[in-house]
Amino acid sequence: MLTPFHLAVQVHDLTEARGFYGHLLGCEEGRSSDTWVDFNLFGHQFVTHLNPALEAGGASGHRNPVDGHGVPVPHFGVVLEMDDWQRLVERLRAAGMSFDLEPCVRFQGKPGEQATMFFRDPSGNAIEFKAFRDIPGQLFAT
């Protein structure tokens, strides 16, 4: 059994974080206070911590080349089933999401072939969602 991870990131506005993670991504809200909010990020414990000094879209980060694309670093994300990934792509496109890396398939025909996309939350945190046709078999394929 795969156990859930715990990840905490800083955000500049908890109301925006609730709208983005709760409404747009569909993450159920858990416990919260005036300075943090827990979300269920596809079965994982994801926490947004308020940092009022962080500017909107403040995190920029570095990019590394991966299969011909500039991948934002640092980033975090979740591996989804292919159908769930496609539904998320459709929801984000309908909402007018601006992607750092448009939804695409990378490593085509090679071990680890995957559907992927990168975008940012309102505080600039880079997020990747990816999917494999065979998650257990391709996730760590070399």
Protein backbone atom coordinates (compact mmCIF):
# COMPACT_ATOMS: atom_id res chain seq x y z
CA MET A 1 0.00 0.00 0.00
CA LEU A 2 1.28 3.43 -0.92
CA THR A 3 1.14 5.80 2.03
CA PRO A 4 0.19 9.48 1.62
CA PHE A 5 2.84 12.17 1.66
CA HIS A 6 2.67 15.40 3.66
CA LEU A 7 3.73 18.64 2.01
CA ALA A 8 3.52 22.22 3.25
CA VAL A 9 4.02 25.30 1.05
CA GLN A 10 3.82 29.00 1.67
CA VAL A 11 1.11 31.15 0.10
CA HIS A 12 0.49 34.88 0.18
CA ASP A 13 -3.31 34.64 0.62
CA LEU A 14 -5.36 31.85 2.21
CA THR A 15 -8.59 32.93 0.48
CA GLU A 16 -6.89 32.59 -2.91
CA ALA A 17 -5.40 29.26 -1.82
CA ARG A 18 -8.87 28.00 -0.87
CA GLY A 19 -10.23 29.08 -4.25
CA PHE A 20 -7.37 27.51 -6.17
CA TYR A 21 -6.88 24.22 -4.30
CA GLY A 22 -10.42 23.84 -2.99
CA HIS A 23 -12.56 25.10 -5.86
CA LEU A 24 -10.41 24.78 -8.99
CA LEU A 25 -8.52 21.57 -8.15
CA GLY A 26 -11.41 20.12 -6.12
CA CYS A 27 -9.39 19.36 -2.99
CA GLU A 28 -11.48 18.85 0.14
CA GLU A 29 -10.51 21.18 2.97
CA GLY A 30 -9.48 19.68 6.29
CA ARG A 31 -8.36 21.43 9.45
CA SER A 32 -7.40 25.08 9.33
CA SER A 33 -6.53 28.15 11.36
CA ASP A 34 -5.98 31.82 10.60
CA THR A 35 -2.51 31.00 9.26
CA TRP A 36 -2.81 27.61 7.50
CA VAL A 37 -5.23 25.32 5.67
CA ASP A 38 -5.03 21.52 5.20
CA PHE A 39 -6.25 20.08 1.89
CA ASN A 40 -6.78 16.54 0.67
CA LEU A 41 -4.67 16.65 -2.50
CA PHE A 42 -5.75 13.43 -4.22
CA GLY A 43 -5.31 11.46 -0.98
CA HIS A 44 -2.25 13.33 0.30
CA GLN A 45 -2.01 15.86 3.13
CA PHE A 46 -1.21 19.21 1.58
CA VAL A 47 -0.95 22.31 3.77
CA THR A 48 -0.85 25.95 2.72
CA HIS A 49 0.85 28.23 5.25
CA LEU A 50 0.27 31.96 5.15
CA ASN A 51 3.30 34.14 4.50
CA PRO A 52 1.95 37.68 4.05
CA ALA A 53 5.42 38.87 2.97
CA LEU A 54 5.31 36.56 -0.08
CA GLU A 55 4.24 38.50 -3.15
CA ALA A 56 1.51 37.18 -5.46
CA GLY A 57 3.16 34.90 -8.00
CA GLY A 58 6.39 35.43 -6.05
CA ALA A 59 8.06 32.05 -6.49
CA SER A 60 9.85 31.89 -9.82
CA GLY A 61 12.48 29.19 -9.46
CA HIS A 62 14.88 27.62 -11.87
CA ARG A 63 14.20 25.50 -14.98
CA ASN A 64 15.92 22.27 -15.95
CA PRO A 65 15.66 20.66 -19.38
CA VAL A 66 13.68 17.41 -19.42
CA ASP A 67 12.86 15.77 -22.76
CA GLY A 68 13.15 19.11 -24.54
CA HIS A 69 11.04 21.11 -22.06
CA GLY A 70 12.03 23.60 -19.36
CA VAL A 71 10.75 22.09 -16.12
CA PRO A 72 10.26 24.51 -13.20
CA VAL A 73 12.34 23.68 -10.12
CA PRO A 74 11.28 23.40 -7.39
CA HIS A 75 7.88 21.86 -8.04
CA PHE A 76 5.56 19.29 -6.52
CA GLY A 77 2.66 17.28 -7.83
CA VAL A 78 0.69 14.10 -7.97
CA VAL A 79 0.66 11.09 -10.28
CA LEU A 80 -2.92 10.44 -11.41
CA GLU A 81 -4.71 7.74 -13.34
CA MET A 82 -4.86 8.72 -17.03
CA ASP A 83 -8.64 9.37 -17.03
CA ASP A 84 -8.35 11.57 -13.91
CA TRP A 85 -5.44 13.47 -15.49
CA GLN A 86 -7.48 14.13 -18.64
CA ARG A 87 -10.47 15.37 -16.61
CA LEU A 88 -8.16 17.73 -14.71
CA VAL A 89 -6.72 19.03 -18.01
CA GLU A 90 -10.25 19.76 -19.23
CA ARG A 91 -11.20 21.52 -15.95
CA LEU A 92 -8.05 23.67 -16.01
CA ARG A 93 -8.46 24.61 -19.67
CA ALA A 94 -12.12 25.54 -19.08
CA ALA A 95 -10.96 27.79 -16.22
CA GLY A 96 -8.42 29.52 -18.51
CA MET A 97 -5.33 28.17 -16.74
CA SER A 98 -2.01 29.50 -17.97
CA PHE A 99 0.38 26.54 -18.19
CA ASP A 100 4.16 26.64 -17.69
CA LEU A 101 4.20 23.46 -19.77
CA GLU A 102 1.06 22.71 -21.77
CA PRO A 103 -0.42 19.24 -21.25
CA CYS A 104 1.60 16.83 -23.38
CA VAL A 105 3.16 13.38 -23.52
CA ARG A 106 6.89 13.18 -22.92
CA PHE A 107 9.36 10.34 -23.38
CA GLN A 108 7.05 9.04 -26.14
CA GLY A 109 7.80 5.43 -27.01
CA LYS A 110 10.44 5.22 -24.27
CA PRO A 111 10.44 3.81 -20.74
CA GLY A 112 8.60 6.19 -18.45
CA GLU A 113 6.32 7.62 -21.16
CA GLN A 114 3.97 9.98 -19.34
CA ALA A 115 1.33 12.62 -19.77
CA THR A 116 2.35 15.76 -17.91
CA MET A 117 1.51 19.42 -17.34
CA PHE A 118 2.94 22.21 -15.21
CA PHE A 119 1.17 25.29 -13.88
CA ARG A 120 1.41 27.61 -10.88
CA ASP A 121 -0.83 28.46 -7.98
CA PRO A 122 -1.59 32.16 -7.26
CA SER A 123 1.50 32.33 -4.99
CA GLY A 124 3.79 31.06 -7.75
CA ASN A 125 4.27 27.48 -6.48
CA ALA A 126 4.96 25.25 -9.50
CA ILE A 127 2.78 22.13 -9.70
CA GLU A 128 3.09 19.09 -11.96
CA PHE A 129 0.36 16.55 -12.56
CA LYS A 130 1.34 13.50 -14.53
CA ALA A 131 -0.15 10.17 -15.54
CA PHE A 132 1.08 6.85 -16.90
CA ARG A 133 -0.86 4.19 -18.75
CA ASP A 134 0.80 1.66 -16.38
CA ILE A 135 1.60 3.48 -13.12
CA PRO A 136 3.32 0.70 -11.21
CA GLY A 137 5.26 -0.50 -14.25
CA GLN A 138 6.36 2.85 -15.68
CA LEU A 139 6.71 5.18 -12.68
CA PHE A 140 10.39 4.31 -12.09
CA ALA A 141 11.18 2.76 -15.49
CA THR A 142 14.71 3.36 -16.76
